[in-house]
Every structure is written in structure tokens, then in C-alpha cells.
Amino acid sequence: MSTLTRPKDAVTTPPATLRGPVRVLLRLHRKALWATGGLLVIGIGIVVALRVWMASAKELCADGDITPCGGPVYQPSYARTSTEAFLSEGGTVLLLLAGLIGVFVAGPLIARELESGTFRLAWAQSVSPAHWLAARLAVPAALTVTGLTVLAIVYRWGLWALRGYPYSHGTNWYASGIFPGTGPALLGFGLLAVAVGALCAVLVRRTLLSMSLTALVLGTVALGLGKRRYELWPTVFRENADVVSFNSGDWVVDMGMITASGQKLYWQDCYDADGVQGIEACMRGRGAVGYFAEHHPASHYWPLQLVETGILLALAALAAFAAFRVLRRLHG
């Protein structure tokens, strides 16, 4: 018989797919899925309720002032100030939600099976370690992108109602509690959370320790980006600038004075000046002749979002690649 032929009754092995592992995963963690869906509905409901409350609040002026129009005292409605207070930290809440997904991936989804040994049952049923891990990355990644996209859109819709009101400084686009939850950077952080959770799980293989390590790594990344976000895109330099000359959408990063030769002197350069001399006198003593400012205009929102998203996606890809390499080294 030719080597190129085979018996008609030979058993062929179907190509491995993720359909089976995904189905098992969804059934096994259906309670967590229902809980996640509940949080999604609650988040949407809160934003909708705030919008309805603010729209129904009594306001006498078109700009939201409840005092007589044109009066000397500006007094916004309680509904608007409350909505602003709630939404001013919405981006932080969404980051925490994405981090919780990563902690769940690290603990109950992967590390618990590695710790208890139940992964051997799946691997004994023609599911390779790579397909097993791929399913545990694909399912939470897809659900994370879908859920966070919906929440980000709803959150932006809630913030939109606060635009145009005077004295509304708590909801600036660059605020650390808002910026992370209004654009694609949130999705990048969610994917990073899933990948880091998987990497910590296959490295540590202990449920609680993997969850703690994941939370530590994600917290470090979030805090680091929050502190250095202004450096992700070049600022705009403005000479002879004053704070009052900026639009409400401008993110003033730093200010100071400039010498005749063009050297920049920042305010902190004279923080140690004595009280008699004063900071400005100290800077003029160093040759300062005018003021300057470095700022991000509102048009820098998307460049900052896209650069941060690129960084997060690159880190997520590295973490996912490392997770597969570690799994292959340990289990073949």
C-alpha cells in the first residue's frame, strides 16, 4: 500500500479550536459573568440617573445659575454640583474595574486551576496548554473590550452635559480622575490587566499571591502613567503667558519666567528664596524679563490618548507573549 494512502476507516483528529475551551469557561464562570453584567447595568444606570436629575433641577438662567440672572453671586444647582462630584472620578472607577478583571484572571480563572491541578483534566481531553491559556485570555479580553467600550461611551455622554457651565473646573478633560476613562487608553489598560493577570498566574501558580501581584503591577502602571502623562506629547510653549489668558480646556503643565537670552526659569528654582525677597524678585535677580507657560491645548487630547494606548497595548502584548513562553517552558 502506498505511503500516500490510508485506510478508509482511519480516524482523523479534528483541528484544535478554542470553541470547546471557551464554552467550558463560560459555563464554569457564569456567576462571575452575571455579576459583571450587573455592574455594567448599575454603572449605566448611575450616569443616566445623574443626567435626568440634573436636567430636572430648577435653574433660572441658561448657564445653570439659580440666582437671579446677572446677579453678583453665581450659585449652581445642587444637582449639577453633585453630578460633577460623582463624575469627576469616573475614570478612576473604570480603571479600578479593569484592574479587578485582571485580578480575576490571575486568581479564579488561571491560578486556581494551576494550584488545584484541575487543568490536567482539560489537557487530557486533547486541549493543548497553549489552547487552554488562549481561551482564558480571549474570553476576558473580548468581554473587557466590549464592556469598557460601552461604559466609556456612557461616561463621555454623562460628562457632555457639564460642558459650557462656568466655574466647572472639576471635569476638565486632562483631570487624572477623568482622562483614563474617556478614550481608547481605557481599553488598552483593560487588555493589559488581562495579560498581566495571566502572566502572574502562570509564574506564581498560587491564587492569592497571583491576585496580589497583579494588583501591584497594575497599580504601579496606572500611577506611573498618571504622574507622567503630560510627557507623552510635546507641550506648547507660550511666552508672556498669564493663567487668565488660557482657555478652560488648556492643561497648563508648568509656568515660570524667561531671560533675555531665552533661558527658562521655573518657579521652583526660587522656592528657597526668603520671604523678604520674594520668588518673583529672585527670578528677576537672575535675569528674568517675562513670563512663559508650557501647556497642552484641548487638541492634544487625542495624541495623548493614542500614545498612552500604544504604550499599554505594547505592554499587554509583551505580557501575553511572556505568559505563553512561561507556560510552554513549565508544561511543554
Protein backbone atom coordinates (compact mmCIF):
# COMPACT_ATOMS: atom_id res chain seq x y z
CA MET A 1 0.00 0.00 0.00
CA SER A 2 1.33 3.40 -0.94
CA THR A 3 2.54 5.66 1.83
CA LEU A 4 0.33 8.39 0.40
CA THR A 5 -2.87 6.43 1.06
CA ARG A 6 -4.60 5.49 4.25
CA PRO A 7 -7.38 3.13 5.23
CA LYS A 8 -10.91 4.41 4.76
CA ASP A 9 -11.77 3.74 8.38
CA ALA A 10 -8.79 5.68 9.74
CA VAL A 11 -9.73 8.14 12.49
CA THR A 12 -8.83 11.73 11.76
CA THR A 13 -8.23 14.21 14.55
CA PRO A 14 -10.21 17.42 14.06
CA PRO A 15 -8.17 20.61 14.12
CA ALA A 16 -7.90 22.13 17.55
CA THR A 17 -10.10 25.18 18.09
CA LEU A 18 -10.97 27.41 21.00
CA ARG A 19 -14.70 26.70 20.76
CA GLY A 20 -14.70 23.86 23.29
CA PRO A 21 -12.48 25.53 25.93
CA VAL A 22 -14.42 28.79 25.57
CA ARG A 23 -17.76 27.03 26.07
CA VAL A 24 -16.47 25.27 29.17
CA LEU A 25 -15.02 28.52 30.52
CA LEU A 26 -18.27 30.43 30.07
CA ARG A 27 -20.26 27.71 31.79
CA LEU A 28 -17.79 27.37 34.66
CA HIS A 29 -17.71 31.09 35.45
CA ARG A 30 -21.28 32.03 34.56
CA LYS A 31 -21.86 33.56 38.01
CA ALA A 32 -18.95 35.93 37.53
CA LEU A 33 -20.33 36.84 34.10
CA TRP A 34 -23.72 37.65 35.59
CA ALA A 35 -22.04 39.77 38.29
CA THR A 36 -20.05 41.66 35.64
CA GLY A 37 -23.20 42.28 33.64
CA GLY A 38 -24.87 43.58 36.78
CA LEU A 39 -22.04 46.05 37.38
CA LEU A 40 -22.33 47.20 33.77
CA VAL A 41 -26.04 47.89 34.17
CA ILE A 42 -25.50 49.67 37.50
CA GLY A 43 -22.81 51.92 36.02
CA ILE A 44 -25.03 52.88 33.09
CA GLY A 45 -27.97 53.45 35.42
CA ILE A 46 -25.98 55.80 37.66
CA VAL A 47 -24.90 58.03 34.77
CA VAL A 48 -28.41 58.10 33.29
CA ALA A 49 -29.90 58.94 36.71
CA LEU A 50 -27.45 61.82 37.19
CA ARG A 51 -28.28 63.23 33.76
CA VAL A 52 -32.00 63.04 34.45
CA TRP A 53 -31.57 64.61 37.90
CA MET A 54 -29.52 67.49 36.54
CA ALA A 55 -31.92 68.09 33.67
CA SER A 56 -34.89 68.26 36.04
CA ALA A 57 -33.20 70.58 38.58
CA LYS A 58 -34.57 74.10 38.96
CA GLU A 59 -32.35 76.65 37.20
CA LEU A 60 -33.28 80.23 36.44
CA CYS A 61 -30.55 81.05 33.93
CA ALA A 62 -29.37 79.36 30.80
CA ASP A 63 -25.86 78.91 32.19
CA GLY A 64 -27.11 76.96 35.21
CA ASP A 65 -27.17 79.79 37.73
CA ILE A 66 -30.10 79.52 40.16
CA THR A 67 -29.70 83.08 41.45
CA PRO A 68 -31.40 85.94 39.55
CA CYS A 69 -29.83 86.16 36.11
CA GLY A 70 -26.98 88.67 36.04
CA GLY A 71 -26.70 88.74 39.83
CA PRO A 72 -23.31 89.23 41.50
CA VAL A 73 -23.24 85.74 43.06
CA TYR A 74 -23.07 82.62 40.94
CA GLN A 75 -24.85 79.64 42.50
CA PRO A 76 -25.18 76.40 40.51
CA SER A 77 -27.88 73.89 41.27
CA TYR A 78 -27.18 71.15 43.79
CA ALA A 79 -27.92 68.56 41.12
CA ARG A 80 -25.16 69.90 38.89
CA THR A 81 -22.53 70.16 41.60
CA SER A 82 -23.39 66.65 42.77
CA THR A 83 -23.19 65.29 39.22
CA GLU A 84 -19.83 66.97 38.77
CA ALA A 85 -18.55 65.47 42.01
CA PHE A 86 -19.67 61.97 41.06
CA LEU A 87 -18.34 62.08 37.50
CA SER A 88 -15.03 63.75 38.38
CA GLU A 89 -13.62 60.37 39.46
CA GLY A 90 -15.39 58.21 36.90
CA GLY A 91 -12.16 57.48 35.02
CA THR A 92 -10.55 56.19 38.20
CA VAL A 93 -13.55 53.93 38.85
CA LEU A 94 -13.28 52.47 35.34
CA LEU A 95 -9.57 51.83 35.83
CA LEU A 96 -10.33 50.01 39.07
CA LEU A 97 -12.94 47.92 37.27
CA ALA A 98 -10.41 46.99 34.59
CA GLY A 99 -7.93 46.12 37.33
CA LEU A 100 -10.48 43.85 39.01
CA ILE A 101 -10.84 41.95 35.75
CA GLY A 102 -7.09 41.38 35.72
CA VAL A 103 -7.17 40.20 39.33
CA PHE A 104 -9.97 37.78 38.47
CA VAL A 105 -7.98 36.42 35.52
CA ALA A 106 -4.94 35.96 37.75
CA GLY A 107 -6.84 34.21 40.54
CA PRO A 108 -10.03 32.25 39.90
CA LEU A 109 -9.56 31.95 36.14
CA ILE A 110 -6.00 30.60 35.87
CA ALA A 111 -4.01 30.35 39.10
CA ARG A 112 -6.68 28.42 40.98
CA GLU A 113 -6.71 25.71 38.31
CA LEU A 114 -2.92 25.55 38.27
CA GLU A 115 -2.84 25.38 42.06
CA SER A 116 -5.51 22.69 42.39
CA GLY A 117 -4.36 20.65 39.39
CA THR A 118 -7.74 20.71 37.60
CA PHE A 119 -6.01 21.94 34.45
CA ARG A 120 -4.83 18.36 33.84
CA LEU A 121 -8.41 17.30 33.10
CA ALA A 122 -8.65 19.77 30.22
CA TRP A 123 -5.20 18.91 28.91
CA ALA A 124 -6.08 15.22 28.94
CA GLN A 125 -9.01 15.89 26.57
CA SER A 126 -6.96 16.91 23.52
CA VAL A 127 -6.67 20.53 24.69
CA SER A 128 -3.08 21.72 24.49
CA PRO A 129 -1.68 24.05 27.16
CA ALA A 130 -1.47 26.84 24.58
CA HIS A 131 -5.16 26.48 23.63
CA TRP A 132 -6.10 26.26 27.29
CA LEU A 133 -4.34 29.55 28.05
CA ALA A 134 -5.54 31.19 24.83
CA ALA A 135 -9.17 30.58 25.83
CA ARG A 136 -8.52 32.12 29.24
CA LEU A 137 -7.12 35.19 27.54
CA ALA A 138 -9.59 35.51 24.66
CA VAL A 139 -12.80 35.35 26.69
CA PRO A 140 -11.98 38.02 29.31
CA ALA A 141 -10.26 40.17 26.66
CA ALA A 142 -13.35 40.19 24.43
CA LEU A 143 -15.70 40.85 27.34
CA THR A 144 -13.40 43.55 28.72
CA VAL A 145 -13.19 45.45 25.44
CA THR A 146 -16.95 45.24 24.92
CA GLY A 147 -17.93 46.24 28.45
CA LEU A 148 -15.39 49.03 28.85
CA THR A 149 -16.30 50.46 25.44
CA VAL A 150 -19.94 50.73 26.49
CA LEU A 151 -19.02 52.29 29.85
CA ALA A 152 -16.60 54.78 28.26
CA ILE A 153 -19.26 55.92 25.79
CA VAL A 154 -21.85 56.32 28.55
CA TYR A 155 -19.33 58.16 30.73
CA ARG A 156 -18.49 60.61 27.94
CA TRP A 157 -22.21 61.14 27.41
CA GLY A 158 -22.57 61.99 31.10
CA LEU A 159 -19.66 64.44 31.01
CA TRP A 160 -21.06 66.11 27.91
CA ALA A 161 -23.93 67.55 29.96
CA LEU A 162 -21.44 69.52 32.09
CA ARG A 163 -19.80 71.32 29.19
CA GLY A 164 -20.27 75.06 28.88
CA TYR A 165 -21.05 75.75 32.53
CA PRO A 166 -18.88 78.41 34.25
CA TYR A 167 -16.83 77.51 37.31
CA SER A 168 -16.86 73.85 36.33
CA HIS A 169 -13.20 73.01 36.89
CA GLY A 170 -13.60 69.51 38.29
CA THR A 171 -14.38 67.88 34.96
CA ASN A 172 -11.50 69.07 32.76
CA TRP A 173 -10.51 66.55 30.09
CA TYR A 174 -6.99 66.23 31.48
CA ALA A 175 -8.00 65.57 35.10
CA SER A 176 -6.43 62.40 36.47
CA GLY A 177 -9.83 61.10 37.52
CA ILE A 178 -11.38 61.66 34.08
CA PHE A 179 -8.81 61.25 31.29
CA PRO A 180 -8.22 57.48 31.70
CA GLY A 181 -11.92 56.65 31.34
CA THR A 182 -12.87 58.66 28.28
CA GLY A 183 -10.89 57.13 25.43
CA PRO A 184 -9.12 54.09 23.99
CA ALA A 185 -6.49 54.18 26.74
CA LEU A 186 -9.09 52.55 28.99
CA LEU A 187 -9.33 49.59 26.60
CA GLY A 188 -5.55 49.34 26.46
CA PHE A 189 -5.40 49.22 30.24
CA GLY A 190 -8.12 46.55 30.30
CA LEU A 191 -6.18 44.34 27.88
CA LEU A 192 -3.02 44.93 29.90
CA ALA A 193 -4.89 43.84 33.03
CA VAL A 194 -5.91 40.56 31.36
CA ALA A 195 -2.38 39.87 30.08
CA VAL A 196 -0.68 40.76 33.37
CA GLY A 197 -3.15 38.61 35.27
CA ALA A 198 -2.33 35.63 33.04
CA LEU A 199 1.42 36.19 33.35
CA CYS A 200 1.32 36.47 37.14
CA ALA A 201 -0.83 33.34 37.34
CA VAL A 202 1.48 31.11 35.30
CA LEU A 203 4.53 32.50 37.07
CA VAL A 204 3.32 32.18 40.67
CA ARG A 205 0.61 29.47 40.36
CA ARG A 206 -0.86 30.50 43.72
CA THR A 207 -4.28 32.13 43.74
CA LEU A 208 -3.95 34.83 46.39
CA LEU A 209 -0.34 35.63 45.61
CA SER A 210 -1.10 35.94 41.88
CA MET A 211 -4.00 38.26 42.56
CA SER A 212 -1.89 40.45 44.86
CA LEU A 213 0.98 40.63 42.39
CA THR A 214 -1.39 41.56 39.56
CA ALA A 215 -2.94 44.36 41.60
CA LEU A 216 0.54 45.67 42.48
CA VAL A 217 1.74 45.70 38.86
CA LEU A 218 -1.42 47.32 37.51
CA GLY A 219 -1.45 49.91 40.27
CA THR A 220 2.16 50.82 39.51
CA VAL A 221 1.43 51.22 35.79
CA ALA A 222 -1.67 53.35 36.42
CA LEU A 223 0.10 55.62 38.91
CA GLY A 224 3.17 55.93 36.71
CA LEU A 225 1.15 56.98 33.66
CA GLY A 226 -0.90 59.37 35.75
CA LYS A 227 2.23 61.10 37.03
CA ARG A 228 3.99 61.28 33.63
CA ARG A 229 1.08 61.61 31.23
CA TYR A 230 1.97 65.20 30.35
CA GLU A 231 5.30 63.97 28.93
CA LEU A 232 3.69 61.67 26.36
CA TRP A 233 3.30 64.53 23.87
CA PRO A 234 5.29 67.76 23.43
CA THR A 235 3.78 70.75 25.18
CA VAL A 236 3.09 74.10 23.56
CA PHE A 237 5.36 76.95 24.67
CA ARG A 238 3.74 80.34 25.17
CA GLU A 239 5.74 83.45 26.02
CA ASN A 240 4.31 86.36 28.04
CA ALA A 241 1.59 84.00 29.26
CA ASP A 242 -0.72 84.50 32.19
CA VAL A 243 -3.04 81.98 33.74
CA VAL A 244 -6.10 84.07 32.93
CA SER A 245 -5.15 84.10 29.23
CA PHE A 246 -5.68 80.36 28.86
CA ASN A 247 -8.88 78.71 27.75
CA SER A 248 -10.68 76.46 30.20
CA GLY A 249 -9.67 73.46 28.07
CA ASP A 250 -5.93 74.14 28.27
CA TRP A 251 -3.80 71.96 30.53
CA VAL A 252 -1.13 74.23 31.99
CA VAL A 253 1.78 71.94 32.85
CA ASP A 254 4.32 74.47 34.12
CA MET A 255 4.95 78.20 34.31
CA GLY A 256 7.86 80.46 35.05
CA MET A 257 9.89 83.35 33.71
CA ILE A 258 12.27 83.68 30.81
CA THR A 259 15.54 85.63 30.48
CA ALA A 260 16.55 87.87 27.59
CA SER A 261 18.71 85.05 26.22
CA GLY A 262 15.76 82.64 26.22
CA GLN A 263 16.68 80.62 29.32
CA LYS A 264 13.70 79.25 31.23
CA LEU A 265 13.48 79.80 34.97
CA TYR A 266 10.81 77.75 36.69
CA TRP A 267 9.08 78.88 39.86
CA GLN A 268 10.57 76.01 41.82
CA ASP A 269 14.03 77.38 41.05
CA CYS A 270 13.34 80.14 43.59
CA TYR A 271 11.25 78.29 46.13
CA ASP A 272 14.07 78.68 48.64
CA ALA A 273 14.02 82.48 48.35
CA ASP A 274 13.48 84.31 51.62
CA GLY A 275 10.16 85.95 52.38
CA VAL A 276 11.52 89.47 52.03
CA GLN A 277 12.95 88.98 48.58
CA GLY A 278 10.03 87.00 47.14
CA ILE A 279 10.03 84.44 44.37
CA GLU A 280 9.46 86.87 41.50
CA ALA A 281 12.19 89.21 42.75
CA CYS A 282 14.50 86.21 42.99
CA MET A 283 13.84 85.29 39.38
CA ARG A 284 14.27 88.85 38.14
CA GLY A 285 17.54 88.92 40.01
CA ARG A 286 18.60 86.01 37.81
CA GLY A 287 17.80 87.99 34.67
CA ALA A 288 14.14 87.12 34.08
CA VAL A 289 12.32 89.64 31.88
CA GLY A 290 8.99 87.97 31.07
CA TYR A 291 6.66 85.10 31.78
CA PHE A 292 6.16 81.82 29.94
CA ALA A 293 3.99 78.74 30.20
CA GLU A 294 4.06 75.18 28.86
CA HIS A 295 0.64 73.72 28.25
CA HIS A 296 -1.42 71.12 26.40
CA PRO A 297 -4.35 72.61 24.48
CA ALA A 298 -7.55 70.64 24.13
CA SER A 299 -6.38 69.48 20.69
CA HIS A 300 -3.73 67.34 22.42
CA TYR A 301 -6.38 65.07 23.91
CA TRP A 302 -6.26 62.51 21.12
CA PRO A 303 -2.46 62.44 20.70
CA LEU A 304 -2.10 61.83 24.44
CA GLN A 305 -4.81 59.16 24.37
CA LEU A 306 -3.31 57.35 21.38
CA VAL A 307 0.26 57.40 22.68
CA GLU A 308 -0.87 56.07 26.06
CA THR A 309 -2.97 53.41 24.33
CA GLY A 310 0.03 52.35 22.24
CA ILE A 311 2.19 52.01 25.35
CA LEU A 312 -0.46 49.94 27.14
CA LEU A 313 -1.05 47.67 24.13
CA ALA A 314 2.70 47.10 23.74
CA LEU A 315 2.98 46.14 27.41
CA ALA A 316 -0.07 43.88 27.06
CA ALA A 317 1.46 42.11 24.05
CA LEU A 318 4.73 41.58 25.91
CA ALA A 319 2.93 40.22 28.97
CA ALA A 320 0.81 37.83 26.88
CA PHE A 321 3.87 36.61 24.96
CA ALA A 322 5.74 36.06 28.22
CA ALA A 323 2.78 34.13 29.66
CA PHE A 324 2.78 31.67 26.76
CA ARG A 325 6.55 31.27 26.94
CA VAL A 326 6.45 30.57 30.67
CA LEU A 327 3.63 28.05 30.24
CA ARG A 328 5.49 26.30 27.45
CA ARG A 329 8.69 26.14 29.48
CA LEU A 330 6.92 24.67 32.51
CA HIS A 331 4.50 22.30 30.79
CA GLY A 332 5.66 21.90 27.20
